[in-house]
């Protein structure tokens, strides 16, 4: 399996998993903490968390299908960076917890850069052959 496909599967799987399990199947306490830190009511916090889960699933599917699009990969990088910044500002103590957003987001950002680099290299090779 190529590094492009490995990055594609890991990023897509992570987006799908984080949309389904800690947001839709069971709202994880940290997810609730993050949305409640915005000052939302319990009902609105619940709605925002569930909506974020649906959005993350949709993005995971789009990423799986459109992984060759530079725009979708850059959107992934921007989104992960933004989420990491949100945690750093709103709940900075979470950055030192086990399985924290630093380790998750930076790894996925790294896979995104690998994907961009490999896709660019693949395109150059195709242009040389053609």
Protein backbone atom coordinates (compact mmCIF):
# COMPACT_ATOMS: atom_id res chain seq x y z
CA UNK A 1 0.00 0.00 0.00
CA UNK A 2 1.36 3.42 -0.93
CA UNK A 3 2.00 6.23 1.53
CA UNK A 4 -0.81 8.15 -0.21
CA UNK A 5 -3.30 5.42 0.61
CA UNK A 6 -2.01 5.01 4.17
CA UNK A 7 -2.43 8.76 4.82
CA UNK A 8 -5.85 8.71 3.14
CA UNK A 9 -7.12 5.82 5.27
CA UNK A 10 -5.71 7.12 8.56
CA UNK A 11 -7.09 10.64 8.12
CA UNK A 12 -10.49 9.44 6.90
CA UNK A 13 -10.76 6.80 9.62
CA UNK A 14 -9.83 9.30 12.32
CA UNK A 15 -12.41 11.82 11.12
CA UNK A 16 -15.12 9.14 10.92
CA UNK A 17 -14.24 7.63 14.30
CA UNK A 18 -14.14 11.00 16.09
CA UNK A 19 -17.45 11.97 14.50
CA UNK A 20 -19.24 8.72 15.35
CA UNK A 21 -18.12 7.56 18.78
CA UNK A 22 -17.33 10.54 21.04
CA UNK A 23 -20.02 12.75 19.48
CA UNK A 24 -22.91 10.63 18.20
CA UNK A 25 -22.92 7.20 19.86
CA UNK A 26 -21.89 8.57 23.25
CA UNK A 27 -20.98 12.16 23.98
CA UNK A 28 -17.58 11.97 25.64
CA UNK A 29 -17.14 14.14 28.75
CA UNK A 30 -14.36 16.12 27.03
CA UNK A 31 -16.63 16.88 24.08
CA UNK A 32 -19.27 18.18 26.47
CA UNK A 33 -16.62 20.21 28.31
CA UNK A 34 -15.45 21.81 25.08
CA UNK A 35 -18.90 22.90 23.92
CA UNK A 36 -19.98 24.00 27.38
CA UNK A 37 -16.85 26.18 27.61
CA UNK A 38 -18.51 28.33 24.95
CA UNK A 39 -21.19 29.23 27.50
CA UNK A 40 -23.93 27.30 25.72
CA UNK A 41 -26.95 25.81 27.47
CA UNK A 42 -27.01 22.03 27.95
CA UNK A 43 -29.49 21.63 25.09
CA UNK A 44 -27.53 23.81 22.69
CA UNK A 45 -24.26 22.20 23.74
CA UNK A 46 -25.79 18.78 22.97
CA UNK A 47 -26.98 20.01 19.56
CA UNK A 48 -23.60 21.56 18.70
CA UNK A 49 -21.76 18.36 19.67
CA UNK A 50 -24.10 16.15 17.63
CA UNK A 51 -23.87 18.55 14.68
CA UNK A 52 -20.08 18.53 14.91
CA UNK A 53 -20.19 14.74 14.82
CA UNK A 54 -22.31 14.74 11.68
CA UNK A 55 -20.02 17.35 10.12
CA UNK A 56 -16.95 15.31 10.96
CA UNK A 57 -18.48 12.19 9.40
CA UNK A 58 -19.37 14.10 6.24
CA UNK A 59 -15.85 15.53 6.09
CA UNK A 60 -14.34 12.06 6.65
CA UNK A 61 -16.33 10.68 3.73
CA UNK A 62 -15.48 13.66 1.52
CA UNK A 63 -11.82 13.32 2.46
CA UNK A 64 -11.86 9.61 1.60
CA UNK A 65 -13.33 10.36 -1.83
CA UNK A 66 -11.56 13.66 -2.62
CA UNK A 67 -8.17 12.95 -0.99
CA UNK A 68 -6.37 14.00 -4.19
CA UNK A 69 -7.79 17.52 -3.90
CA UNK A 70 -5.24 19.96 -2.54
CA UNK A 71 -8.12 22.09 -1.24
CA UNK A 72 -9.62 19.28 0.89
CA UNK A 73 -6.21 18.39 2.34
CA UNK A 74 -5.50 22.05 3.14
CA UNK A 75 -8.98 22.36 4.68
CA UNK A 76 -8.12 19.39 6.88
CA UNK A 77 -4.88 21.05 8.00
CA UNK A 78 -6.64 24.36 8.69
CA UNK A 79 -9.46 22.64 10.57
CA UNK A 80 -7.13 20.57 12.75
CA UNK A 81 -4.97 23.61 13.48
CA UNK A 82 -8.07 25.62 14.37
CA UNK A 83 -9.38 22.89 16.67
CA UNK A 84 -6.01 22.67 18.38
CA UNK A 85 -5.98 26.44 18.83
CA UNK A 86 -9.53 26.32 20.22
CA UNK A 87 -8.48 23.77 22.84
CA UNK A 88 -5.36 25.79 23.69
CA UNK A 89 -7.44 28.90 24.33
CA UNK A 90 -10.60 27.43 25.89
CA UNK A 91 -9.29 24.39 27.80
CA UNK A 92 -5.46 24.55 27.86
CA UNK A 93 -5.19 21.93 30.61
CA UNK A 94 -6.39 19.32 28.07
CA UNK A 95 -3.13 19.73 26.16
CA UNK A 96 -1.26 17.73 28.80
CA UNK A 97 -3.82 14.95 29.27
CA UNK A 98 -3.32 11.45 27.90
CA UNK A 99 -4.51 11.07 24.28
CA UNK A 100 -4.73 14.81 23.92
CA UNK A 101 -5.42 17.00 20.88
CA UNK A 102 -1.72 17.79 20.48
CA UNK A 103 -0.75 14.21 19.70
CA UNK A 104 -3.85 13.50 17.63
CA UNK A 105 -3.99 16.72 15.61
CA UNK A 106 -0.27 17.05 14.96
CA UNK A 107 -0.10 13.45 13.71
CA UNK A 108 -3.04 14.04 11.37
CA UNK A 109 -1.56 17.33 10.18
CA UNK A 110 1.69 15.46 9.50
CA UNK A 111 -0.16 12.80 7.48
CA UNK A 112 -1.85 15.63 5.56
CA UNK A 113 1.52 17.15 4.65
CA UNK A 114 2.81 13.71 3.61
CA UNK A 115 -0.26 13.34 1.41
CA UNK A 116 0.31 16.76 -0.19
CA UNK A 117 4.00 15.99 -0.79
CA UNK A 118 3.31 12.53 -2.24
CA UNK A 119 0.51 13.78 -4.49
CA UNK A 120 2.79 16.55 -5.78
CA UNK A 121 5.57 14.02 -6.44
CA UNK A 122 3.13 11.69 -8.19
CA UNK A 123 1.93 14.54 -10.42
CA UNK A 124 5.53 15.50 -11.31
CA UNK A 125 6.29 11.89 -12.25
CA UNK A 126 3.18 11.69 -14.43
CA UNK A 127 4.13 14.94 -16.19
CA UNK A 128 7.65 13.63 -16.88
CA UNK A 129 6.25 10.42 -18.39
CA UNK A 130 3.57 12.18 -20.41
